[in-house]
Amino acid sequence: MKRWQLCVAMVCGRVHRVEVLALRCSGYHVRAVMCDGAVSTVQFAAGRSMWPAMPVVKSRLLRCGVRKVLLLQPESHDEIIGRPVLLATDPGLWMPLR
């Protein structure tokens, strides 16, 4: 999904939530979860799904009409340094963009 497509989907009310996955040493992966359950990756540039920095993610999503995102971190700090993993998954953090 391109950014202009996200803008149209936001205006039409088809987007349920926008998720930002923080990937270790890679950047950010942005997904739009639609009201019908479909999930689309929001592209940073043509053919690139990884976003380089959080300020870029915030400013571009704000321009598309997104006011808050669900920030997810698939790997916790404990897993990275070798401590046992948590039993429950991280529910994420709602982050306002303003």
N, C-alpha and C. Protein backbone atom coordinates (compact mmCIF):
# COMPACT_ATOMS: atom_id res chain seq x y z
N MET A 1 0.85 -1.16 0.00
CA MET A 1 0.00 0.00 0.00
C MET A 1 0.90 1.24 0.00
N LYS A 2 0.60 2.13 -0.90
CA LYS A 2 1.34 3.39 -0.97
C LYS A 2 0.71 4.40 -0.02
N ARG A 3 1.45 5.46 0.27
CA ARG A 3 0.96 6.45 1.24
C ARG A 3 -0.32 7.12 0.76
N TRP A 4 -0.45 7.40 -0.53
CA TRP A 4 -1.67 8.03 -1.02
C TRP A 4 -2.87 7.10 -0.86
N GLN A 5 -2.64 5.79 -0.96
CA GLN A 5 -3.72 4.82 -0.76
C GLN A 5 -4.15 4.79 0.71
N LEU A 6 -3.17 4.96 1.62
CA LEU A 6 -3.51 5.05 3.04
C LEU A 6 -4.33 6.30 3.31
N CYS A 7 -3.98 7.41 2.68
CA CYS A 7 -4.75 8.65 2.84
C CYS A 7 -6.20 8.46 2.43
N VAL A 8 -6.42 7.83 1.29
CA VAL A 8 -7.78 7.59 0.79
C VAL A 8 -8.53 6.65 1.73
N ALA A 9 -7.86 5.60 2.19
CA ALA A 9 -8.50 4.64 3.10
C ALA A 9 -8.85 5.31 4.43
N MET A 10 -8.01 6.20 4.91
CA MET A 10 -8.31 6.92 6.16
C MET A 10 -9.53 7.82 5.99
N VAL A 11 -9.60 8.54 4.87
CA VAL A 11 -10.72 9.44 4.62
C VAL A 11 -12.03 8.65 4.49
N CYS A 12 -11.96 7.49 3.88
CA CYS A 12 -13.16 6.66 3.69
C CYS A 12 -13.54 5.87 4.94
N GLY A 13 -12.69 5.88 5.96
CA GLY A 13 -13.00 5.17 7.20
C GLY A 13 -12.80 3.67 7.12
N ARG A 14 -11.94 3.21 6.23
CA ARG A 14 -11.72 1.78 6.07
C ARG A 14 -10.60 1.24 6.96
N VAL A 15 -9.83 2.11 7.61
CA VAL A 15 -8.69 1.67 8.41
C VAL A 15 -9.12 1.52 9.87
N HIS A 16 -8.91 0.32 10.42
CA HIS A 16 -9.22 0.07 11.83
C HIS A 16 -8.11 0.59 12.73
N ARG A 17 -6.86 0.28 12.40
CA ARG A 17 -5.71 0.77 13.16
C ARG A 17 -4.46 0.70 12.31
N VAL A 18 -3.46 1.47 12.70
CA VAL A 18 -2.16 1.45 12.04
C VAL A 18 -1.15 0.94 13.07
N GLU A 19 -0.39 -0.07 12.69
CA GLU A 19 0.60 -0.67 13.57
C GLU A 19 2.01 -0.35 13.08
N VAL A 20 2.89 -0.03 14.02
CA VAL A 20 4.30 0.20 13.72
C VAL A 20 5.10 -0.84 14.47
N LEU A 21 5.82 -1.69 13.73
CA LEU A 21 6.67 -2.69 14.35
C LEU A 21 8.09 -2.18 14.40
N ALA A 22 8.66 -2.11 15.61
CA ALA A 22 10.05 -1.71 15.78
C ALA A 22 10.92 -2.96 15.62
N LEU A 23 11.71 -3.00 14.56
CA LEU A 23 12.54 -4.16 14.28
C LEU A 23 13.98 -3.85 14.65
N ARG A 24 14.59 -4.75 15.39
CA ARG A 24 15.94 -4.55 15.90
C ARG A 24 16.93 -4.32 14.76
N CYS A 25 17.64 -3.22 14.83
CA CYS A 25 18.72 -2.87 13.89
C CYS A 25 18.26 -2.75 12.44
N SER A 26 16.96 -2.64 12.20
CA SER A 26 16.48 -2.59 10.82
C SER A 26 15.69 -1.34 10.51
N GLY A 27 14.94 -0.85 11.46
CA GLY A 27 14.06 0.27 11.22
C GLY A 27 12.66 -0.06 11.68
N TYR A 28 11.69 0.41 10.93
CA TYR A 28 10.28 0.25 11.31
C TYR A 28 9.49 -0.30 10.14
N HIS A 29 8.52 -1.13 10.47
CA HIS A 29 7.63 -1.74 9.48
C HIS A 29 6.22 -1.25 9.84
N VAL A 30 5.53 -0.63 8.89
CA VAL A 30 4.22 -0.03 9.16
C VAL A 30 3.15 -0.85 8.45
N ARG A 31 2.11 -1.23 9.20
CA ARG A 31 0.99 -1.99 8.64
C ARG A 31 -0.32 -1.28 8.92
N ALA A 32 -1.21 -1.32 7.97
CA ALA A 32 -2.56 -0.80 8.14
C ALA A 32 -3.51 -1.99 8.24
N VAL A 33 -4.23 -2.08 9.34
CA VAL A 33 -5.22 -3.13 9.54
C VAL A 33 -6.58 -2.53 9.18
N MET A 34 -7.20 -3.09 8.16
CA MET A 34 -8.47 -2.57 7.68
C MET A 34 -9.64 -3.08 8.53
N CYS A 35 -10.77 -2.44 8.41
CA CYS A 35 -11.96 -2.83 9.16
C CYS A 35 -12.43 -4.24 8.81
N ASP A 36 -12.15 -4.70 7.59
CA ASP A 36 -12.56 -6.04 7.19
C ASP A 36 -11.54 -7.11 7.56
N GLY A 37 -10.46 -6.73 8.26
CA GLY A 37 -9.47 -7.68 8.72
C GLY A 37 -8.24 -7.81 7.82
N ALA A 38 -8.28 -7.22 6.66
CA ALA A 38 -7.13 -7.29 5.74
C ALA A 38 -5.98 -6.45 6.31
N VAL A 39 -4.76 -6.90 6.07
CA VAL A 39 -3.57 -6.20 6.55
C VAL A 39 -2.72 -5.83 5.35
N SER A 40 -2.34 -4.55 5.26
CA SER A 40 -1.51 -4.07 4.15
C SER A 40 -0.28 -3.39 4.71
N THR A 41 0.86 -3.63 4.07
CA THR A 41 2.10 -2.96 4.44
C THR A 41 2.14 -1.59 3.79
N VAL A 42 2.43 -0.57 4.57
CA VAL A 42 2.55 0.78 4.05
C VAL A 42 4.00 0.98 3.63
N GLN A 43 4.21 1.29 2.36
CA GLN A 43 5.56 1.42 1.82
C GLN A 43 6.16 2.78 2.13
N PHE A 44 7.45 2.78 2.46
CA PHE A 44 8.18 4.02 2.68
C PHE A 44 8.49 4.69 1.34
N ALA A 45 9.00 3.91 0.42
CA ALA A 45 9.32 4.36 -0.94
C ALA A 45 8.98 3.21 -1.87
N ALA A 46 9.04 3.45 -3.15
CA ALA A 46 8.69 2.41 -4.13
C ALA A 46 9.52 1.15 -3.90
N GLY A 47 8.85 0.07 -3.56
CA GLY A 47 9.52 -1.20 -3.36
C GLY A 47 10.19 -1.38 -2.01
N ARG A 48 10.10 -0.40 -1.12
CA ARG A 48 10.75 -0.49 0.20
C ARG A 48 9.69 -0.48 1.29
N SER A 49 9.68 -1.54 2.10
CA SER A 49 8.70 -1.60 3.18
C SER A 49 9.28 -1.14 4.52
N MET A 50 10.59 -0.97 4.61
CA MET A 50 11.22 -0.56 5.87
C MET A 50 11.33 0.96 5.93
N TRP A 51 10.95 1.51 7.05
CA TRP A 51 11.05 2.94 7.31
C TRP A 51 12.30 3.17 8.14
N PRO A 52 13.13 4.16 7.82
CA PRO A 52 14.43 4.29 8.49
C PRO A 52 14.38 4.84 9.91
N ALA A 53 13.46 5.74 10.23
CA ALA A 53 13.48 6.38 11.54
C ALA A 53 12.07 6.75 12.00
N MET A 54 11.85 6.78 13.30
CA MET A 54 10.54 7.08 13.85
C MET A 54 10.05 8.49 13.51
N PRO A 55 10.89 9.54 13.50
CA PRO A 55 10.37 10.86 13.11
C PRO A 55 9.80 10.88 11.69
N VAL A 56 10.40 10.13 10.79
CA VAL A 56 9.89 10.04 9.41
C VAL A 56 8.54 9.34 9.41
N VAL A 57 8.43 8.25 10.18
CA VAL A 57 7.17 7.52 10.28
C VAL A 57 6.07 8.45 10.79
N LYS A 58 6.35 9.16 11.88
CA LYS A 58 5.34 10.04 12.47
C LYS A 58 4.89 11.13 11.51
N SER A 59 5.83 11.82 10.90
CA SER A 59 5.44 12.94 10.03
C SER A 59 4.66 12.47 8.80
N ARG A 60 5.08 11.39 8.20
CA ARG A 60 4.37 10.90 7.00
C ARG A 60 2.99 10.37 7.34
N LEU A 61 2.86 9.68 8.48
CA LEU A 61 1.55 9.16 8.87
C LEU A 61 0.60 10.28 9.29
N LEU A 62 1.14 11.31 9.93
CA LEU A 62 0.30 12.47 10.28
C LEU A 62 -0.27 13.12 9.03
N ARG A 63 0.55 13.22 7.99
CA ARG A 63 0.08 13.80 6.73
C ARG A 63 -0.99 12.96 6.07
N CYS A 64 -1.03 11.67 6.39
CA CYS A 64 -2.05 10.78 5.83
C CYS A 64 -3.33 10.78 6.66
N GLY A 65 -3.33 11.48 7.79
CA GLY A 65 -4.54 11.55 8.61
C GLY A 65 -4.53 10.60 9.79
N VAL A 66 -3.44 9.90 10.05
CA VAL A 66 -3.35 8.98 11.18
C VAL A 66 -3.05 9.81 12.42
N ARG A 67 -3.80 9.60 13.49
CA ARG A 67 -3.60 10.37 14.72
C ARG A 67 -2.94 9.57 15.82
N LYS A 68 -3.04 8.23 15.80
CA LYS A 68 -2.35 7.39 16.77
C LYS A 68 -2.03 6.05 16.13
N VAL A 69 -0.95 5.44 16.61
CA VAL A 69 -0.52 4.15 16.09
C VAL A 69 -0.31 3.19 17.25
N LEU A 70 -0.36 1.91 16.95
CA LEU A 70 -0.05 0.87 17.93
C LEU A 70 1.40 0.47 17.71
N LEU A 71 2.26 0.80 18.67
CA LEU A 71 3.68 0.50 18.57
C LEU A 71 3.93 -0.90 19.13
N LEU A 72 4.47 -1.77 18.30
CA LEU A 72 4.75 -3.15 18.68
C LEU A 72 6.25 -3.41 18.62
N GLN A 73 6.72 -4.22 19.55
CA GLN A 73 8.13 -4.60 19.57
C GLN A 73 8.18 -6.11 19.69
N PRO A 74 8.41 -6.81 18.56
CA PRO A 74 8.36 -8.28 18.59
C PRO A 74 9.44 -8.93 19.45
N GLU A 75 10.57 -8.27 19.65
CA GLU A 75 11.62 -8.82 20.49
C GLU A 75 11.85 -7.89 21.67
N SER A 76 11.77 -8.43 22.86
CA SER A 76 12.02 -7.59 24.03
C SER A 76 13.52 -7.49 24.28
N HIS A 77 13.90 -6.54 25.11
CA HIS A 77 15.31 -6.36 25.46
C HIS A 77 15.85 -7.63 26.13
N ASP A 78 15.00 -8.29 26.94
CA ASP A 78 15.44 -9.51 27.62
C ASP A 78 15.82 -10.60 26.63
N GLU A 79 15.05 -10.74 25.55
CA GLU A 79 15.36 -11.76 24.54
C GLU A 79 16.67 -11.44 23.83
N ILE A 80 16.91 -10.15 23.60
CA ILE A 80 18.11 -9.74 22.88
C ILE A 80 19.36 -10.08 23.70
N ILE A 81 19.32 -9.85 25.03
CA ILE A 81 20.51 -10.10 25.84
C ILE A 81 20.57 -11.51 26.41
N GLY A 82 19.59 -12.36 26.09
CA GLY A 82 19.67 -13.77 26.44
C GLY A 82 18.93 -14.18 27.69
N ARG A 83 18.13 -13.32 28.28
CA ARG A 83 17.30 -13.72 29.42
C ARG A 83 16.12 -14.53 28.91
N PRO A 84 15.50 -15.30 29.77
CA PRO A 84 14.31 -16.07 29.33
C PRO A 84 13.22 -15.14 28.83
N VAL A 85 12.47 -15.62 27.85
CA VAL A 85 11.42 -14.81 27.24
C VAL A 85 10.22 -14.71 28.18
N LEU A 86 9.42 -13.67 27.97
CA LEU A 86 8.20 -13.50 28.75
C LEU A 86 7.16 -14.52 28.31
N LEU A 87 6.29 -14.91 29.23
CA LEU A 87 5.26 -15.88 28.89
C LEU A 87 4.14 -15.26 28.08
N ALA A 88 3.83 -14.00 28.34
CA ALA A 88 2.77 -13.32 27.61
C ALA A 88 3.39 -12.41 26.55
N THR A 89 2.71 -12.27 25.44
CA THR A 89 3.20 -11.39 24.38
C THR A 89 2.95 -9.94 24.75
N ASP A 90 3.71 -9.06 24.18
CA ASP A 90 3.57 -7.63 24.42
C ASP A 90 2.32 -7.13 23.71
N PRO A 91 1.37 -6.51 24.44
CA PRO A 91 0.14 -6.04 23.80
C PRO A 91 0.35 -4.79 22.96
N GLY A 92 1.50 -4.17 23.06
CA GLY A 92 1.76 -2.96 22.31
C GLY A 92 1.46 -1.72 23.11
N LEU A 93 1.79 -0.58 22.55
CA LEU A 93 1.61 0.70 23.22
C LEU A 93 0.95 1.65 22.24
N TRP A 94 -0.19 2.21 22.62
CA TRP A 94 -0.86 3.21 21.78
C TRP A 94 -0.08 4.51 21.90
N MET A 95 0.36 5.03 20.77
CA MET A 95 1.19 6.22 20.74
C MET A 95 0.52 7.30 19.90
N PRO A 96 0.12 8.42 20.54
CA PRO A 96 -0.44 9.52 19.74
C PRO A 96 0.65 10.18 18.92
N LEU A 97 0.33 10.63 17.72
CA LEU A 97 1.32 11.23 16.85
C LEU A 97 1.41 12.73 16.98
N ARG A 98 0.54 13.37 17.69
CA ARG A 98 0.60 14.83 17.87
C ARG A 98 1.44 15.18 19.06
